[in-house]
Protein backbone atom coordinates (compact mmCIF):
# COMPACT_ATOMS: atom_id res chain seq x y z
CA MET A 1 -1.05 16.46 -4.45
CA ASP A 2 -4.67 17.63 -4.66
CA ASP A 3 -5.87 19.05 -1.33
CA GLU A 4 -9.50 18.13 -2.01
CA GLY A 5 -9.11 15.05 0.17
CA THR A 6 -8.05 16.92 3.31
CA ASP A 7 -10.15 15.83 6.31
CA GLU A 8 -12.02 18.66 7.97
CA GLY A 9 -11.15 19.12 11.61
CA ALA A 10 -7.78 17.41 11.38
CA SER A 11 -5.56 18.22 14.35
CA ALA A 12 -2.25 20.07 14.27
CA THR A 13 -0.40 16.81 15.04
CA PRO A 14 -1.37 14.38 12.28
CA VAL A 15 0.12 10.90 12.09
CA ARG A 16 3.29 11.11 10.02
CA THR A 17 3.29 8.38 7.41
CA GLU A 18 6.26 7.62 5.20
CA VAL A 19 5.34 6.48 1.71
CA ARG A 20 8.23 5.27 -0.45
CA LEU A 21 8.12 4.28 -4.10
CA LEU A 22 10.72 1.84 -5.46
CA TRP A 23 10.98 1.51 -9.23
CA VAL A 24 11.95 -2.10 -9.94
CA PRO A 25 13.82 -1.65 -13.26
CA ASP A 26 16.19 0.77 -11.54
CA ALA A 27 16.65 -1.27 -8.36
CA ALA A 28 16.48 -4.94 -9.33
CA ALA A 29 20.18 -5.46 -10.06
CA ALA A 30 21.28 -4.04 -6.69
CA ALA A 31 18.54 -5.98 -4.86
CA LEU A 32 19.37 -9.30 -6.51
CA ALA A 33 23.04 -8.82 -5.66
CA ARG A 34 22.15 -8.44 -1.97
CA ALA A 35 19.38 -11.05 -1.78
CA HIS A 36 21.54 -14.03 -0.76
CA ARG A 37 22.82 -12.06 2.24
CA LEU A 38 19.67 -10.22 3.34
CA LEU A 39 16.68 -12.49 2.80
CA ASP A 40 15.77 -15.17 5.35
CA PRO A 41 15.16 -18.84 4.43
CA HIS A 42 11.40 -18.34 4.16
CA GLU A 43 11.78 -15.41 1.76
CA THR A 44 14.42 -17.24 -0.26
CA ALA A 45 12.25 -20.35 -0.56
CA ARG A 46 9.26 -18.29 -1.63
CA ALA A 47 11.34 -16.46 -4.24
CA ASP A 48 12.61 -19.78 -5.59
CA ARG A 49 9.05 -21.03 -6.08
CA TYR A 50 8.33 -18.39 -8.70
CA GLN A 51 8.42 -19.90 -12.18
CA ASP A 52 8.22 -16.50 -13.85
CA GLU A 53 11.55 -14.67 -13.61
CA ARG A 54 9.91 -11.24 -13.71
CA ALA A 55 7.67 -12.15 -10.75
CA ARG A 56 10.68 -13.48 -8.84
CA ARG A 57 12.63 -10.29 -9.53
CA LEU A 58 9.69 -8.19 -8.29
CA TYR A 59 9.33 -10.19 -5.07
CA VAL A 60 13.06 -10.13 -4.27
CA THR A 61 13.42 -6.43 -5.03
CA ALA A 62 10.40 -5.55 -2.90
CA HIS A 63 11.58 -7.54 0.12
CA VAL A 64 15.19 -6.39 -0.03
CA GLY A 65 13.89 -2.81 -0.13
CA LEU A 66 11.62 -3.45 2.85
CA ARG A 67 14.48 -4.82 4.93
CA LEU A 68 16.69 -1.84 4.11
CA LEU A 69 13.94 0.63 5.02
CA LEU A 70 13.17 -1.08 8.33
CA ALA A 71 16.85 -1.43 9.16
CA ALA A 72 17.22 2.34 8.85
CA HIS A 73 14.32 2.82 11.29
CA THR A 74 15.33 0.23 13.86
CA GLY A 75 19.12 0.31 13.78
CA THR A 76 19.10 -3.45 13.27
CA PRO A 77 21.12 -4.93 10.39
CA PRO A 78 18.69 -5.79 7.60
CA GLU A 79 19.71 -9.45 7.55
CA ASP A 80 18.89 -9.78 11.28
CA LEU A 81 15.28 -8.61 11.00
CA ARG A 82 12.65 -11.27 11.61
CA PHE A 83 8.99 -11.04 10.66
CA THR A 84 5.81 -12.49 12.08
CA ARG A 85 2.06 -11.95 11.68
CA GLU A 86 -0.47 -10.52 14.09
CA PRO A 87 -3.66 -12.55 14.60
CA CYS A 88 -6.27 -11.93 11.92
CA PRO A 89 -9.01 -9.73 13.45
CA GLY A 90 -11.60 -11.68 11.49
CA CYS A 91 -10.78 -15.30 12.35
CA GLY A 92 -7.86 -15.13 14.78
CA GLY A 93 -5.55 -17.04 12.44
CA PRO A 94 -1.82 -16.21 12.12
CA HIS A 95 -2.22 -14.18 8.93
CA GLY A 96 -2.99 -10.65 10.08
CA ARG A 97 -0.80 -7.58 9.65
CA PRO A 98 2.92 -8.28 9.23
CA THR A 99 5.09 -7.07 12.08
CA LEU A 100 8.69 -7.19 13.27
CA ASP A 101 9.49 -10.01 15.68
CA GLY A 102 11.43 -9.01 18.78
CA VAL A 103 12.47 -5.56 17.55
CA PRO A 104 10.52 -2.36 18.24
CA GLY A 105 9.80 -0.52 15.03
CA PRO A 106 7.13 1.17 12.96
CA HIS A 107 3.97 -0.36 11.57
CA PHE A 108 4.53 -1.09 7.90
CA SER A 109 2.85 -2.26 4.73
CA LEU A 110 4.11 -3.28 1.29
CA SER A 111 2.45 -3.52 -2.10
CA HIS A 112 3.80 -4.20 -5.57
CA ALA A 113 2.47 -4.26 -9.11
CA GLU A 114 4.25 -4.58 -12.44
CA ASP A 115 7.38 -2.38 -12.10
CA ALA A 116 6.39 -0.50 -8.93
CA VAL A 117 6.79 -1.24 -5.22
CA LEU A 118 5.15 0.97 -2.61
CA TYR A 119 5.91 1.00 1.13
CA ALA A 120 4.16 2.76 3.99
CA LEU A 121 5.57 3.15 7.52
CA ALA A 122 3.78 4.84 10.43
CA SER A 123 3.43 4.87 14.20
CA ALA A 124 -0.10 3.46 13.81
CA PRO A 125 -1.47 0.48 11.85
CA VAL A 126 -1.17 1.21 8.15
CA GLY A 127 -2.04 -0.38 4.83
CA VAL A 128 -0.88 0.56 1.34
CA ASP A 129 -1.81 -0.61 -2.13
CA ILE A 130 -0.64 0.11 -5.66
CA GLU A 131 -2.15 -1.37 -8.81
CA SER A 132 -1.44 -1.15 -12.51
CA ALA A 133 -4.18 -0.05 -14.87
CA ARG A 134 -3.54 -3.29 -16.73
CA ILE A 135 -5.63 -5.21 -14.21
CA ALA A 136 -8.66 -3.84 -16.06
CA ALA A 137 -7.47 -5.39 -19.32
CA GLY A 138 -9.89 -8.29 -18.83
CA GLY A 139 -12.71 -6.09 -20.04
CA ASP A 140 -16.30 -5.96 -18.84
CA ALA A 141 -16.15 -9.31 -17.02
CA VAL A 142 -13.35 -8.08 -14.75
CA LEU A 143 -15.14 -4.77 -14.14
CA ARG A 144 -18.40 -6.51 -13.23
CA ARG A 145 -16.68 -8.93 -10.87
CA ARG A 146 -14.83 -6.21 -9.02
CA THR A 147 -17.80 -3.86 -8.97
CA SER A 148 -19.88 -6.60 -7.31
CA ARG A 149 -17.45 -6.54 -4.37
CA LEU A 150 -17.96 -2.81 -3.71
CA HIS A 151 -20.25 -1.18 -1.17
CA PRO A 152 -23.65 -0.16 -2.64
CA GLU A 153 -22.71 3.54 -2.30
CA GLU A 154 -19.54 2.91 -4.31
CA GLN A 155 -21.44 0.97 -6.95
CA GLN A 156 -23.91 3.86 -7.23
CA ALA A 157 -21.08 6.40 -7.56
CA LEU A 158 -19.47 4.35 -10.34
CA ALA A 159 -22.77 3.99 -12.16
CA GLY A 160 -23.12 7.77 -12.14
CA LEU A 161 -19.90 8.25 -14.09
CA PRO A 162 -19.61 8.18 -17.88
CA GLN A 163 -18.71 4.71 -19.16
CA SER A 164 -15.33 5.94 -20.35
CA ARG A 165 -14.31 6.86 -16.78
CA ARG A 166 -15.54 3.83 -14.88
CA SER A 167 -12.51 1.60 -15.33
CA ALA A 168 -10.10 4.19 -13.90
CA ALA A 169 -12.55 5.12 -11.13
CA LEU A 170 -12.96 1.47 -10.14
CA LEU A 171 -9.19 1.10 -9.91
CA GLY A 172 -8.98 4.19 -7.69
CA CYS A 173 -11.65 2.79 -5.39
CA TRP A 174 -10.07 -0.66 -5.37
CA VAL A 175 -6.67 0.50 -4.14
CA ARG A 176 -8.37 2.40 -1.30
CA LYS A 177 -10.32 -0.73 -0.39
CA GLU A 178 -7.27 -2.97 -0.47
CA ALA A 179 -5.17 -0.49 1.54
CA TYR A 180 -7.91 -0.42 4.19
CA GLY A 181 -8.08 -4.22 4.27
CA LYS A 182 -4.33 -4.44 4.74
CA GLY A 183 -4.50 -1.87 7.50
CA LEU A 184 -7.16 -3.92 9.28
CA GLY A 185 -5.17 -7.10 8.80
CA THR A 186 -7.91 -8.95 6.90
CA GLY A 187 -6.91 -8.04 3.35
CA LEU A 188 -9.52 -8.67 0.69
CA ALA A 189 -10.61 -11.84 2.50
CA GLY A 190 -12.80 -9.59 4.65
CA ASP A 191 -16.24 -8.38 3.61
CA THR A 192 -15.37 -5.73 1.04
CA THR A 193 -19.02 -4.68 0.66
CA SER A 194 -19.47 -3.61 4.29
CA HIS A 195 -17.22 -0.54 4.56
CA PRO A 196 -17.38 2.20 1.92
CA VAL A 197 -14.03 3.80 1.19
CA GLY A 198 -15.21 6.00 -1.69
CA LEU A 199 -13.82 6.69 -5.10
CA ALA A 200 -10.43 8.33 -5.47
CA THR A 201 -10.36 12.11 -5.12
CA VAL A 202 -9.99 12.71 -8.85
CA ASP A 203 -13.02 10.51 -9.62
CA ARG A 204 -15.64 11.36 -7.01
CA HIS A 205 -18.18 14.18 -7.02
CA ARG A 206 -18.48 14.38 -3.23
CA LEU A 207 -16.34 13.38 -0.28
CA VAL A 208 -17.14 10.04 1.35
CA ALA A 209 -16.48 9.67 5.06
CA PRO A 210 -13.76 7.05 5.66
CA PRO A 211 -14.45 4.04 7.90
CA PRO A 212 -14.53 5.13 11.56
CA GLY A 213 -11.07 5.46 13.06
CA TRP A 214 -9.26 5.49 9.73
CA THR A 215 -7.89 8.04 7.28
CA LEU A 216 -7.63 7.13 3.60
CA VAL A 217 -5.44 9.10 1.23
CA ASP A 218 -4.90 8.79 -2.52
CA VAL A 219 -1.16 8.67 -3.16
CA PRO A 220 0.61 10.03 -6.26
CA ALA A 221 1.71 7.15 -8.47
CA PRO A 222 3.51 6.70 -11.79
CA ALA A 223 1.52 6.97 -15.01
CA ASP A 224 -0.94 4.07 -15.46
CA TYR A 225 -0.88 3.21 -11.75
CA ARG A 226 -3.16 4.07 -8.85
CA ALA A 227 -2.21 3.98 -5.16
CA ALA A 228 -3.67 4.69 -1.74
CA VAL A 229 -2.75 4.46 1.93
CA ALA A 230 -4.96 3.82 4.98
CA VAL A 231 -3.86 4.80 8.49
CA ARG A 232 -5.65 4.11 11.77
CA THR A 233 -6.11 7.51 13.36
CA PRO A 234 -8.12 9.09 16.19
CA ALA A 235 -11.26 10.91 15.06
CA THR A 236 -9.63 14.34 15.30
CA THR A 237 -6.29 13.42 13.76
CA GLY A 238 -5.34 13.41 10.09
CA VAL A 239 -2.33 12.03 8.26
CA ARG A 240 0.78 13.83 7.11
CA LEU A 241 2.39 12.07 4.18
CA ASP A 242 6.15 12.06 3.80
CA LEU A 243 6.47 11.13 0.14
CA GLY A 244 9.69 9.93 -1.44
CA ARG A 245 11.46 7.50 -3.74
CA LEU A 246 13.71 4.72 -2.49
CA HIS A 247 16.86 4.08 -4.52
CA LEU A 248 19.06 1.00 -4.13
CA GLY A 249 22.56 1.98 -5.16
CA PRO A 250 25.81 0.01 -4.97
CA THR A 251 26.74 1.62 -1.64
CA GLY A 252 23.31 1.33 0.03
CA PRO A 253 19.78 2.73 0.01
CA ALA A 254 18.98 6.40 -0.49
CA VAL A 255 15.72 8.33 -0.37
CA THR A 256 14.73 11.39 -2.35
CA THR A 257 11.83 13.13 -0.67
CA ASP A 258 8.90 15.05 -2.10
CA ARG A 259 7.12 17.72 -0.07
CA ALA A 260 5.08 16.40 2.85
CA SER A 261 1.34 16.61 2.37
CA PRO A 262 -1.22 16.93 5.17
CA ARG A 263 -4.43 14.93 4.87
């Protein structure tokens, strides 16, 4: 991972943040075989509402994987985990960050797109997002609509790039913005123009300070995807990523880990 995004002045005890990638084509069969036993009635009903089988498979695989990850952290059987929502910091409604109900455990976030699922777990509020480059397939209209929801500094940075690079740069900025919104608990329903998160490290010409109290990191992703994680951190503390892949085999989950990366 490129070290250009390392925050200056980060302490020696950064917030450890697990980031796990689950590749749906490899995991779907094992997840679907477990779904009837692991998912709760709300998850099952939501899965059944999907008309598109590929979307249903993605949802089920993502949520079975989440339960198995959290079970390993809490010692609670995955089928016994219950979820709730914190109050939204914007309106107070019951649709803020997801959290475990009645069981102490890590903060967590989940995102999925196409064939990829990404999880983040940390001791502090965290948000993660992954997107496929195909979201830009709508052409100039999609680019203009998304660009209009960026902070003026981000719009200016995009405008300064060659036309051929703007679509990828917008995607890199967008995943940072959505990860931050998930970390806050507002998602994209919040004012996305108020807080600059900057372009992704590979796209920007200068570092952009993250929103106060947060660290944003661009996460390695499969080809044609972009991903980012946002972690609430004290001003002098960075983030240490523990990167890995989650595998759902016939005997249970397994994780292969990449090298940890300080940010």
